[in-house]
Structures are given as C-alpha cells and as structure tokens.
Amino acid sequence: MRLRYVADYIARPDARFEYLRDPLDAPFIELAIAGQATHIVSFDKDLLSLPDGRGEASKRFRQRLRGVNVVRPEQLLDLI
C-alpha cells in the first residue's frame, strides 16, 4: 500500500496534550505533535471538531498543531 512509504514509527511520544473532553483521543494528538503530522485521520467526531471548535481544547490544538488537518479516511484518500 502506498501509505506505508510515507509513515514514521514513533514508539512513545514525549508531547503532552491534555484533552479532558475525550482523554482516549489525547495519545493520537500527542503522536501528531511528536511526528510533526500534516494530517490526523479519524472517524471520531471529537477529533474532527478540533480544528474548527471554539472550546479551550480546540484553541490549544490550533496553537500546537498549526496547519494540521483532521480528516475522515475517505477525505485523505481523495487528497492522495
């Protein structure tokens, strides 16, 4: 598969992003920070709402992950 060649393995990210609304999503955000991701791919509505949200977590997300797009899998496939 084509995506295999553009991925990096990160064993344990050092970044810390507190996400009280959905703490199970925090590790994915931390991986994106550590890996300097350009996209986060998810079906999760909480993650998908972060780039455009008005809450404190959304503001911190935009500050820490400038320019990172959160997209659904089919949107990523359209992009590539």
N, C-alpha and C. Protein backbone atom coordinates (compact mmCIF):
# COMPACT_ATOMS: atom_id res chain seq x y z
N MET A 1 0.84 -1.18 0.00
CA MET A 1 0.00 0.00 0.00
C MET A 1 0.88 1.24 0.00
N ARG A 2 0.43 2.25 -0.65
CA ARG A 2 1.19 3.47 -0.85
C ARG A 2 1.50 4.22 0.46
N LEU A 3 0.60 4.19 1.43
CA LEU A 3 0.80 4.92 2.68
C LEU A 3 1.97 4.37 3.49
N ARG A 4 2.30 3.13 3.33
CA ARG A 4 3.39 2.52 4.07
C ARG A 4 4.70 3.29 3.88
N TYR A 5 4.90 3.87 2.75
CA TYR A 5 6.17 4.52 2.43
C TYR A 5 6.26 5.96 2.91
N VAL A 6 5.22 6.50 3.48
CA VAL A 6 5.26 7.87 3.97
C VAL A 6 4.98 7.94 5.46
N ALA A 7 5.18 6.85 6.16
CA ALA A 7 4.90 6.80 7.59
C ALA A 7 6.20 6.73 8.40
N ASP A 8 6.14 7.19 9.64
CA ASP A 8 7.24 7.09 10.59
C ASP A 8 6.75 6.35 11.81
N TYR A 9 7.63 5.58 12.42
CA TYR A 9 7.29 4.87 13.64
C TYR A 9 7.76 5.69 14.83
N ILE A 10 6.85 5.97 15.76
CA ILE A 10 7.18 6.69 16.99
C ILE A 10 6.74 5.79 18.14
N ALA A 11 7.72 5.31 18.89
CA ALA A 11 7.44 4.34 19.95
C ALA A 11 6.64 4.95 21.10
N ARG A 12 7.07 6.10 21.58
CA ARG A 12 6.42 6.71 22.73
C ARG A 12 6.63 8.22 22.65
N PRO A 13 5.58 8.95 22.31
CA PRO A 13 5.76 10.40 22.15
C PRO A 13 6.00 11.11 23.48
N ASP A 14 6.82 12.15 23.45
CA ASP A 14 7.09 12.95 24.64
C ASP A 14 6.08 14.08 24.82
N ALA A 15 5.42 14.46 23.76
CA ALA A 15 4.47 15.58 23.82
C ALA A 15 3.33 15.26 24.77
N ARG A 16 2.82 16.28 25.42
CA ARG A 16 1.67 16.11 26.32
C ARG A 16 0.59 17.09 25.91
N PHE A 17 -0.58 16.54 25.61
CA PHE A 17 -1.73 17.35 25.24
C PHE A 17 -2.90 16.88 26.09
N GLU A 18 -3.31 17.69 27.03
CA GLU A 18 -4.42 17.33 27.90
C GLU A 18 -5.72 17.58 27.16
N TYR A 19 -6.54 16.53 27.07
CA TYR A 19 -7.80 16.62 26.34
C TYR A 19 -8.88 16.01 27.22
N LEU A 20 -9.40 16.80 28.13
CA LEU A 20 -10.33 16.32 29.14
C LEU A 20 -11.64 15.82 28.55
N ARG A 21 -12.07 16.42 27.44
CA ARG A 21 -13.35 16.03 26.84
C ARG A 21 -13.32 14.56 26.39
N ASP A 22 -12.18 14.10 25.92
CA ASP A 22 -12.05 12.71 25.49
C ASP A 22 -10.59 12.27 25.67
N PRO A 23 -10.22 11.88 26.90
CA PRO A 23 -8.82 11.53 27.19
C PRO A 23 -8.26 10.40 26.33
N LEU A 24 -9.12 9.55 25.79
CA LEU A 24 -8.63 8.46 24.94
C LEU A 24 -8.12 8.98 23.59
N ASP A 25 -8.49 10.19 23.23
CA ASP A 25 -8.01 10.79 21.98
C ASP A 25 -6.66 11.48 22.15
N ALA A 26 -6.30 11.81 23.38
CA ALA A 26 -5.06 12.55 23.64
C ALA A 26 -3.82 11.87 23.04
N PRO A 27 -3.67 10.54 23.14
CA PRO A 27 -2.47 9.91 22.56
C PRO A 27 -2.32 10.15 21.05
N PHE A 28 -3.44 10.24 20.34
CA PHE A 28 -3.37 10.47 18.90
C PHE A 28 -2.90 11.89 18.61
N ILE A 29 -3.33 12.82 19.44
CA ILE A 29 -2.88 14.21 19.28
C ILE A 29 -1.40 14.31 19.63
N GLU A 30 -0.99 13.60 20.69
CA GLU A 30 0.42 13.60 21.08
C GLU A 30 1.30 13.00 19.98
N LEU A 31 0.83 11.93 19.34
CA LEU A 31 1.58 11.36 18.22
C LEU A 31 1.70 12.35 17.07
N ALA A 32 0.64 13.06 16.80
CA ALA A 32 0.67 14.06 15.72
C ALA A 32 1.69 15.16 16.03
N ILE A 33 1.75 15.58 17.29
CA ILE A 33 2.72 16.61 17.69
C ILE A 33 4.14 16.06 17.55
N ALA A 34 4.37 14.88 18.11
CA ALA A 34 5.72 14.29 18.09
C ALA A 34 6.19 13.99 16.67
N GLY A 35 5.28 13.57 15.82
CA GLY A 35 5.66 13.21 14.46
C GLY A 35 5.54 14.35 13.46
N GLN A 36 5.20 15.54 13.96
CA GLN A 36 5.02 16.70 13.09
C GLN A 36 4.09 16.35 11.93
N ALA A 37 2.96 15.78 12.28
CA ALA A 37 1.99 15.32 11.29
C ALA A 37 1.38 16.47 10.49
N THR A 38 0.97 16.15 9.30
CA THR A 38 0.23 17.11 8.48
C THR A 38 -1.26 16.80 8.53
N HIS A 39 -1.60 15.54 8.88
CA HIS A 39 -2.99 15.11 8.93
C HIS A 39 -3.19 14.15 10.10
N ILE A 40 -4.38 14.19 10.67
CA ILE A 40 -4.87 13.17 11.59
C ILE A 40 -6.09 12.58 10.91
N VAL A 41 -6.11 11.27 10.78
CA VAL A 41 -7.21 10.59 10.09
C VAL A 41 -8.05 9.87 11.13
N SER A 42 -9.36 10.15 11.12
CA SER A 42 -10.21 9.59 12.16
C SER A 42 -11.68 9.65 11.76
N PHE A 43 -12.46 8.76 12.36
CA PHE A 43 -13.92 8.84 12.29
C PHE A 43 -14.47 9.55 13.52
N ASP A 44 -13.61 9.80 14.50
CA ASP A 44 -14.01 10.34 15.80
C ASP A 44 -14.49 11.79 15.68
N LYS A 45 -15.72 12.03 16.09
CA LYS A 45 -16.31 13.37 15.96
C LYS A 45 -15.59 14.41 16.81
N ASP A 46 -15.11 14.01 17.98
CA ASP A 46 -14.36 14.95 18.82
C ASP A 46 -13.08 15.42 18.14
N LEU A 47 -12.33 14.48 17.59
CA LEU A 47 -11.11 14.86 16.90
C LEU A 47 -11.41 15.70 15.66
N LEU A 48 -12.43 15.31 14.92
CA LEU A 48 -12.78 16.04 13.70
C LEU A 48 -13.22 17.47 13.99
N SER A 49 -13.73 17.71 15.20
CA SER A 49 -14.21 19.05 15.54
C SER A 49 -13.11 19.99 16.04
N LEU A 50 -11.95 19.45 16.38
CA LEU A 50 -10.90 20.28 16.99
C LEU A 50 -10.42 21.46 16.12
N PRO A 51 -10.17 21.29 14.84
CA PRO A 51 -9.64 22.42 14.07
C PRO A 51 -10.59 23.62 13.98
N ASP A 52 -11.88 23.38 14.07
CA ASP A 52 -12.85 24.46 13.91
C ASP A 52 -13.61 24.79 15.19
N GLY A 53 -13.36 24.05 16.27
CA GLY A 53 -14.10 24.24 17.50
C GLY A 53 -13.79 25.56 18.20
N ARG A 54 -14.64 25.90 19.16
CA ARG A 54 -14.50 27.16 19.89
C ARG A 54 -14.01 26.98 21.32
N GLY A 55 -13.92 25.74 21.78
CA GLY A 55 -13.52 25.47 23.16
C GLY A 55 -12.03 25.64 23.38
N GLU A 56 -11.65 25.51 24.64
CA GLU A 56 -10.25 25.66 25.03
C GLU A 56 -9.35 24.62 24.36
N ALA A 57 -9.82 23.37 24.30
CA ALA A 57 -9.02 22.32 23.66
C ALA A 57 -8.80 22.62 22.18
N SER A 58 -9.81 23.13 21.52
CA SER A 58 -9.68 23.48 20.10
C SER A 58 -8.66 24.60 19.90
N LYS A 59 -8.68 25.57 20.78
CA LYS A 59 -7.71 26.68 20.69
C LYS A 59 -6.29 26.16 20.88
N ARG A 60 -6.10 25.30 21.89
CA ARG A 60 -4.77 24.74 22.13
C ARG A 60 -4.33 23.86 20.96
N PHE A 61 -5.29 23.11 20.39
CA PHE A 61 -4.98 22.27 19.24
C PHE A 61 -4.45 23.12 18.09
N ARG A 62 -5.13 24.21 17.80
CA ARG A 62 -4.71 25.09 16.70
C ARG A 62 -3.36 25.74 16.98
N GLN A 63 -3.06 26.01 18.25
CA GLN A 63 -1.77 26.60 18.60
C GLN A 63 -0.64 25.58 18.46
N ARG A 64 -0.86 24.37 18.94
CA ARG A 64 0.19 23.34 18.94
C ARG A 64 0.35 22.65 17.60
N LEU A 65 -0.75 22.56 16.84
CA LEU A 65 -0.71 21.82 15.58
C LEU A 65 -1.16 22.71 14.42
N ARG A 66 -0.45 23.80 14.24
CA ARG A 66 -0.78 24.73 13.17
C ARG A 66 -0.74 24.03 11.81
N GLY A 67 -1.81 24.20 11.08
CA GLY A 67 -1.85 23.64 9.73
C GLY A 67 -2.15 22.16 9.64
N VAL A 68 -2.39 21.49 10.78
CA VAL A 68 -2.72 20.07 10.74
C VAL A 68 -4.19 19.91 10.40
N ASN A 69 -4.47 19.10 9.41
CA ASN A 69 -5.85 18.82 9.01
C ASN A 69 -6.32 17.56 9.69
N VAL A 70 -7.52 17.58 10.23
CA VAL A 70 -8.14 16.38 10.78
C VAL A 70 -9.22 15.98 9.78
N VAL A 71 -9.05 14.80 9.20
CA VAL A 71 -9.93 14.38 8.11
C VAL A 71 -10.44 12.97 8.33
N ARG A 72 -11.54 12.68 7.66
CA ARG A 72 -12.07 11.31 7.64
C ARG A 72 -11.23 10.51 6.64
N PRO A 73 -11.19 9.18 6.77
CA PRO A 73 -10.37 8.38 5.86
C PRO A 73 -10.66 8.61 4.38
N GLU A 74 -11.92 8.75 4.03
CA GLU A 74 -12.24 8.95 2.62
C GLU A 74 -11.75 10.31 2.11
N GLN A 75 -11.67 11.30 3.01
CA GLN A 75 -11.14 12.59 2.62
C GLN A 75 -9.64 12.49 2.34
N LEU A 76 -8.92 11.71 3.15
CA LEU A 76 -7.49 11.52 2.91
C LEU A 76 -7.26 10.82 1.58
N LEU A 77 -8.06 9.81 1.29
CA LEU A 77 -7.90 9.11 0.02
C LEU A 77 -8.14 10.05 -1.16
N ASP A 78 -9.08 10.97 -1.02
CA ASP A 78 -9.32 11.96 -2.06
C ASP A 78 -8.11 12.87 -2.24
N LEU A 79 -7.43 13.18 -1.12
CA LEU A 79 -6.26 14.06 -1.18
C LEU A 79 -5.06 13.40 -1.85
N ILE A 80 -4.92 12.09 -1.66
CA ILE A 80 -3.77 11.41 -2.24
C ILE A 80 -4.17 10.75 -3.53
